[in-house]
Amino acid sequence: MTDYNKRAVFYGLSGVVILVLALLALPNFLRARTTSAPMSCTAVLQMLNGATQQWAIENRATNGQPVVISEVVKYLPYKDVDSLPLCPSGGVIRLTVAGEPPRCNIPGHHF
């Protein structure tokens, strides 16, 4: 076997090993992508719930009082926000009244 043939066999086997490893990892990447969106939405809902509770405490809002979104966004942990954060899956997040948690319209996105 010549040096060229040994090198070709080595590269061929290396390619097969890399291909097998990639095929084994692919389902994990796909599963991570499908589970991360609901988890991200849950984190956004929890953050909005905390901001709404803080707004309600500071403004002495009672349960059932309508939430003023332009005032609630001031209590979010990041700056320069004029509207509610979005669901990463494209769902619509609703804040309605004080005392009720925010909700996303996509099933499974809750906390």
N, C-alpha and C. Protein backbone atom coordinates (compact mmCIF):
# COMPACT_ATOMS: atom_id res chain seq x y z
N MET A 1 0.85 -1.18 0.00
CA MET A 1 0.00 0.00 0.00
C MET A 1 0.89 1.24 0.00
N THR A 2 0.62 2.12 -0.91
CA THR A 2 1.45 3.30 -1.02
C THR A 2 1.02 4.34 0.00
N ASP A 3 1.88 5.33 0.12
CA ASP A 3 1.60 6.41 1.07
C ASP A 3 0.32 7.15 0.68
N TYR A 4 0.09 7.31 -0.63
CA TYR A 4 -1.12 7.98 -1.11
C TYR A 4 -2.37 7.20 -0.72
N ASN A 5 -2.35 5.90 -0.86
CA ASN A 5 -3.50 5.06 -0.52
C ASN A 5 -3.77 5.08 0.97
N LYS A 6 -2.72 5.08 1.79
CA LYS A 6 -2.91 5.14 3.24
C LYS A 6 -3.58 6.45 3.64
N ARG A 7 -3.14 7.51 3.03
CA ARG A 7 -3.71 8.81 3.32
C ARG A 7 -5.17 8.88 2.89
N ALA A 8 -5.51 8.32 1.77
CA ALA A 8 -6.89 8.31 1.27
C ALA A 8 -7.79 7.49 2.19
N VAL A 9 -7.31 6.36 2.66
CA VAL A 9 -8.10 5.54 3.58
C VAL A 9 -8.30 6.29 4.90
N PHE A 10 -7.25 6.92 5.38
CA PHE A 10 -7.35 7.68 6.64
C PHE A 10 -8.38 8.81 6.52
N TYR A 11 -8.32 9.57 5.43
CA TYR A 11 -9.28 10.66 5.24
C TYR A 11 -10.70 10.12 5.06
N GLY A 12 -10.84 9.02 4.39
CA GLY A 12 -12.15 8.42 4.21
C GLY A 12 -12.75 7.97 5.53
N LEU A 13 -11.96 7.30 6.35
CA LEU A 13 -12.44 6.86 7.66
C LEU A 13 -12.72 8.06 8.58
N SER A 14 -11.91 9.08 8.50
CA SER A 14 -12.15 10.28 9.31
C SER A 14 -13.47 10.93 8.92
N GLY A 15 -13.73 10.98 7.63
CA GLY A 15 -15.00 11.54 7.17
C GLY A 15 -16.19 10.75 7.64
N VAL A 16 -16.08 9.42 7.64
CA VAL A 16 -17.16 8.56 8.11
C VAL A 16 -17.41 8.79 9.61
N VAL A 17 -16.35 8.89 10.39
CA VAL A 17 -16.50 9.13 11.83
C VAL A 17 -17.18 10.47 12.08
N ILE A 18 -16.78 11.49 11.38
CA ILE A 18 -17.39 12.81 11.55
C ILE A 18 -18.86 12.77 11.14
N LEU A 19 -19.18 12.08 10.08
CA LEU A 19 -20.57 11.96 9.63
C LEU A 19 -21.43 11.23 10.66
N VAL A 20 -20.91 10.17 11.23
CA VAL A 20 -21.66 9.42 12.26
C VAL A 20 -21.89 10.30 13.49
N LEU A 21 -20.89 11.02 13.92
CA LEU A 21 -21.05 11.91 15.07
C LEU A 21 -22.07 13.01 14.79
N ALA A 22 -22.06 13.54 13.58
CA ALA A 22 -23.04 14.57 13.22
C ALA A 22 -24.45 13.99 13.22
N LEU A 23 -24.62 12.79 12.72
CA LEU A 23 -25.94 12.16 12.70
C LEU A 23 -26.44 11.85 14.11
N LEU A 24 -25.53 11.54 15.01
CA LEU A 24 -25.92 11.30 16.40
C LEU A 24 -26.31 12.60 17.11
N ALA A 25 -25.69 13.70 16.77
CA ALA A 25 -25.95 14.97 17.43
C ALA A 25 -27.18 15.69 16.89
N LEU A 26 -27.57 15.41 15.66
CA LEU A 26 -28.68 16.13 15.02
C LEU A 26 -29.99 16.06 15.81
N PRO A 27 -30.44 14.91 16.30
CA PRO A 27 -31.70 14.89 17.07
C PRO A 27 -31.64 15.76 18.32
N ASN A 28 -30.48 15.82 18.96
CA ASN A 28 -30.36 16.67 20.15
C ASN A 28 -30.49 18.14 19.81
N PHE A 29 -29.93 18.56 18.70
CA PHE A 29 -30.06 19.95 18.28
C PHE A 29 -31.51 20.29 17.96
N LEU A 30 -32.20 19.38 17.28
CA LEU A 30 -33.60 19.63 16.95
C LEU A 30 -34.46 19.68 18.20
N ARG A 31 -34.22 18.80 19.15
CA ARG A 31 -34.98 18.79 20.40
C ARG A 31 -34.72 20.06 21.21
N ALA A 32 -33.49 20.50 21.24
CA ALA A 32 -33.15 21.73 21.97
C ALA A 32 -33.88 22.93 21.38
N ARG A 33 -34.00 22.95 20.08
CA ARG A 33 -34.68 24.07 19.44
C ARG A 33 -36.17 24.09 19.76
N THR A 34 -36.80 22.92 19.82
CA THR A 34 -38.23 22.88 20.09
C THR A 34 -38.54 23.13 21.56
N THR A 35 -37.63 22.82 22.47
CA THR A 35 -37.90 23.05 23.89
C THR A 35 -37.47 24.43 24.35
N SER A 36 -36.59 25.10 23.62
CA SER A 36 -36.11 26.40 24.09
C SER A 36 -37.14 27.50 23.92
N ALA A 37 -37.98 27.44 22.91
CA ALA A 37 -38.97 28.50 22.69
C ALA A 37 -40.00 28.57 23.82
N PRO A 38 -40.61 27.45 24.26
CA PRO A 38 -41.52 27.56 25.40
C PRO A 38 -40.83 28.01 26.68
N MET A 39 -39.58 27.60 26.87
CA MET A 39 -38.85 28.01 28.07
C MET A 39 -38.55 29.51 28.03
N SER A 40 -38.22 30.03 26.85
CA SER A 40 -37.97 31.47 26.72
C SER A 40 -39.24 32.26 26.94
N CYS A 41 -40.36 31.77 26.43
CA CYS A 41 -41.64 32.46 26.63
C CYS A 41 -42.01 32.44 28.11
N THR A 42 -41.77 31.32 28.79
CA THR A 42 -42.05 31.24 30.22
C THR A 42 -41.22 32.26 30.99
N ALA A 43 -39.96 32.43 30.60
CA ALA A 43 -39.11 33.42 31.26
C ALA A 43 -39.64 34.83 31.03
N VAL A 44 -40.11 35.11 29.82
CA VAL A 44 -40.68 36.43 29.53
C VAL A 44 -41.95 36.66 30.36
N LEU A 45 -42.79 35.62 30.46
CA LEU A 45 -44.02 35.74 31.25
C LEU A 45 -43.72 35.96 32.73
N GLN A 46 -42.72 35.29 33.25
CA GLN A 46 -42.34 35.48 34.65
C GLN A 46 -41.81 36.90 34.88
N MET A 47 -41.03 37.40 33.95
CA MET A 47 -40.50 38.75 34.06
C MET A 47 -41.63 39.78 34.01
N LEU A 48 -42.59 39.57 33.11
CA LEU A 48 -43.74 40.47 33.03
C LEU A 48 -44.60 40.39 34.27
N ASN A 49 -44.74 39.21 34.84
CA ASN A 49 -45.52 39.06 36.06
C ASN A 49 -44.88 39.85 37.20
N GLY A 50 -43.58 39.76 37.33
CA GLY A 50 -42.88 40.52 38.36
C GLY A 50 -43.01 42.01 38.15
N ALA A 51 -42.89 42.46 36.91
CA ALA A 51 -43.04 43.89 36.61
C ALA A 51 -44.46 44.37 36.91
N THR A 52 -45.46 43.53 36.59
CA THR A 52 -46.85 43.89 36.86
C THR A 52 -47.11 43.97 38.36
N GLN A 53 -46.56 43.03 39.11
CA GLN A 53 -46.74 43.06 40.56
C GLN A 53 -46.07 44.29 41.16
N GLN A 54 -44.89 44.62 40.69
CA GLN A 54 -44.20 45.82 41.18
C GLN A 54 -45.00 47.08 40.85
N TRP A 55 -45.54 47.15 39.64
CA TRP A 55 -46.37 48.29 39.25
C TRP A 55 -47.60 48.38 40.14
N ALA A 56 -48.23 47.23 40.41
CA ALA A 56 -49.44 47.21 41.22
C ALA A 56 -49.15 47.66 42.65
N ILE A 57 -48.02 47.24 43.19
CA ILE A 57 -47.67 47.65 44.56
C ILE A 57 -47.42 49.15 44.63
N GLU A 58 -46.63 49.67 43.70
CA GLU A 58 -46.27 51.08 43.75
C GLU A 58 -47.43 52.01 43.39
N ASN A 59 -48.39 51.51 42.62
CA ASN A 59 -49.53 52.35 42.23
C ASN A 59 -50.80 51.99 43.01
N ARG A 60 -50.66 51.15 44.02
CA ARG A 60 -51.78 50.72 44.86
C ARG A 60 -52.96 50.21 44.02
N ALA A 61 -52.63 49.41 43.02
CA ALA A 61 -53.67 48.85 42.15
C ALA A 61 -54.32 47.67 42.87
N THR A 62 -55.60 47.56 42.75
CA THR A 62 -56.34 46.45 43.35
C THR A 62 -56.51 45.34 42.32
N ASN A 63 -56.80 44.14 42.80
CA ASN A 63 -57.06 43.03 41.88
C ASN A 63 -58.25 43.37 41.00
N GLY A 64 -58.08 43.14 39.71
CA GLY A 64 -59.13 43.44 38.76
C GLY A 64 -58.99 44.79 38.09
N GLN A 65 -58.09 45.62 38.58
CA GLN A 65 -57.88 46.94 37.97
C GLN A 65 -57.10 46.76 36.67
N PRO A 66 -57.50 47.43 35.59
CA PRO A 66 -56.79 47.29 34.31
C PRO A 66 -55.32 47.71 34.42
N VAL A 67 -54.48 46.96 33.73
CA VAL A 67 -53.04 47.22 33.74
C VAL A 67 -52.72 48.27 32.67
N VAL A 68 -51.90 49.24 33.03
CA VAL A 68 -51.44 50.25 32.08
C VAL A 68 -50.07 49.79 31.57
N ILE A 69 -50.05 49.27 30.36
CA ILE A 69 -48.84 48.64 29.83
C ILE A 69 -47.69 49.64 29.72
N SER A 70 -47.99 50.87 29.34
CA SER A 70 -46.92 51.86 29.19
C SER A 70 -46.23 52.15 30.52
N GLU A 71 -46.92 51.93 31.63
CA GLU A 71 -46.30 52.12 32.94
C GLU A 71 -45.61 50.85 33.43
N VAL A 72 -46.14 49.68 33.06
CA VAL A 72 -45.56 48.41 33.51
C VAL A 72 -44.20 48.19 32.86
N VAL A 73 -44.02 48.58 31.61
CA VAL A 73 -42.75 48.32 30.93
C VAL A 73 -41.59 49.08 31.58
N LYS A 74 -41.88 50.09 32.37
CA LYS A 74 -40.82 50.81 33.08
C LYS A 74 -40.17 49.94 34.15
N TYR A 75 -40.87 48.90 34.59
CA TYR A 75 -40.36 48.02 35.64
C TYR A 75 -39.64 46.79 35.09
N LEU A 76 -39.51 46.69 33.79
CA LEU A 76 -38.78 45.58 33.19
C LEU A 76 -37.29 45.78 33.40
N PRO A 77 -36.52 44.70 33.50
CA PRO A 77 -35.10 44.83 33.84
C PRO A 77 -34.21 45.42 32.76
N TYR A 78 -34.71 45.61 31.56
CA TYR A 78 -33.88 46.20 30.53
C TYR A 78 -34.44 47.56 30.14
N LYS A 79 -33.59 48.38 29.64
CA LYS A 79 -33.93 49.78 29.37
C LYS A 79 -34.41 49.97 27.93
N ASP A 80 -34.94 51.16 27.68
CA ASP A 80 -35.39 51.56 26.34
C ASP A 80 -36.43 50.62 25.77
N VAL A 81 -37.46 50.35 26.55
CA VAL A 81 -38.54 49.48 26.11
C VAL A 81 -39.82 50.30 26.06
N ASP A 82 -40.52 50.24 24.94
CA ASP A 82 -41.77 50.99 24.81
C ASP A 82 -42.99 50.07 24.75
N SER A 83 -42.76 48.78 24.57
CA SER A 83 -43.88 47.85 24.45
C SER A 83 -43.51 46.54 25.14
N LEU A 84 -44.47 45.64 25.18
CA LEU A 84 -44.25 44.34 25.82
C LEU A 84 -43.26 43.51 25.02
N PRO A 85 -42.46 42.69 25.71
CA PRO A 85 -41.60 41.75 24.98
C PRO A 85 -42.45 40.75 24.20
N LEU A 86 -41.86 40.17 23.19
CA LEU A 86 -42.59 39.24 22.33
C LEU A 86 -42.28 37.80 22.70
N CYS A 87 -43.23 36.93 22.41
CA CYS A 87 -43.01 35.50 22.55
C CYS A 87 -42.05 35.07 21.43
N PRO A 88 -41.03 34.28 21.73
CA PRO A 88 -40.09 33.88 20.69
C PRO A 88 -40.71 33.01 19.60
N SER A 89 -41.86 32.40 19.89
CA SER A 89 -42.54 31.57 18.88
C SER A 89 -43.56 32.35 18.08
N GLY A 90 -43.68 33.64 18.32
CA GLY A 90 -44.62 34.46 17.58
C GLY A 90 -45.99 34.56 18.23
N GLY A 91 -46.12 34.09 19.45
CA GLY A 91 -47.39 34.20 20.16
C GLY A 91 -47.66 35.61 20.64
N VAL A 92 -48.88 35.84 21.06
CA VAL A 92 -49.28 37.15 21.56
C VAL A 92 -49.37 37.07 23.08
N ILE A 93 -48.64 37.94 23.75
CA ILE A 93 -48.66 37.99 25.21
C ILE A 93 -49.65 39.07 25.63
N ARG A 94 -50.51 38.70 26.58
CA ARG A 94 -51.54 39.64 27.03
C ARG A 94 -51.41 39.92 28.52
N LEU A 95 -51.48 41.18 28.87
CA LEU A 95 -51.62 41.64 30.25
C LEU A 95 -52.98 42.30 30.33
N THR A 96 -53.82 41.84 31.21
CA THR A 96 -55.17 42.40 31.24
C THR A 96 -55.42 43.20 32.51
N VAL A 97 -55.50 42.52 33.64
CA VAL A 97 -55.82 43.20 34.89
C VAL A 97 -54.82 42.80 35.96
N ALA A 98 -54.70 43.66 36.97
CA ALA A 98 -53.82 43.37 38.10
C ALA A 98 -54.35 42.15 38.85
N GLY A 99 -53.44 41.33 39.32
CA GLY A 99 -53.83 40.13 40.05
C GLY A 99 -53.91 38.89 39.18
N GLU A 100 -53.89 39.05 37.87
CA GLU A 100 -53.89 37.91 36.96
C GLU A 100 -52.54 37.86 36.25
N PRO A 101 -51.99 36.65 36.08
CA PRO A 101 -50.69 36.55 35.41
C PRO A 101 -50.81 36.84 33.91
N PRO A 102 -49.71 37.28 33.30
CA PRO A 102 -49.73 37.46 31.85
C PRO A 102 -49.88 36.10 31.16
N ARG A 103 -50.44 36.12 29.97
CA ARG A 103 -50.71 34.87 29.24
C ARG A 103 -50.23 34.99 27.79
N CYS A 104 -49.81 33.84 27.27
CA CYS A 104 -49.45 33.73 25.86
C CYS A 104 -50.52 32.87 25.19
N ASN A 105 -50.85 33.20 23.94
CA ASN A 105 -51.92 32.47 23.27
C ASN A 105 -51.51 31.12 22.70
N ILE A 106 -50.23 30.77 22.80
CA ILE A 106 -49.76 29.47 22.31
C ILE A 106 -49.87 28.46 23.45
N PRO A 107 -50.54 27.34 23.22
CA PRO A 107 -50.67 26.31 24.28
C PRO A 107 -49.30 25.82 24.74
N GLY A 108 -49.16 25.65 26.04
CA GLY A 108 -47.91 25.18 26.61
C GLY A 108 -46.98 26.30 27.03
N HIS A 109 -47.28 27.52 26.67
CA HIS A 109 -46.45 28.66 27.09
C HIS A 109 -47.11 29.29 28.31
N HIS A 110 -46.68 28.87 29.47
CA HIS A 110 -47.23 29.40 30.71
C HIS A 110 -46.21 29.18 31.82
N PHE A 111 -46.50 29.77 32.96
CA PHE A 111 -45.62 29.51 34.12
C PHE A 111 -46.47 29.18 35.32
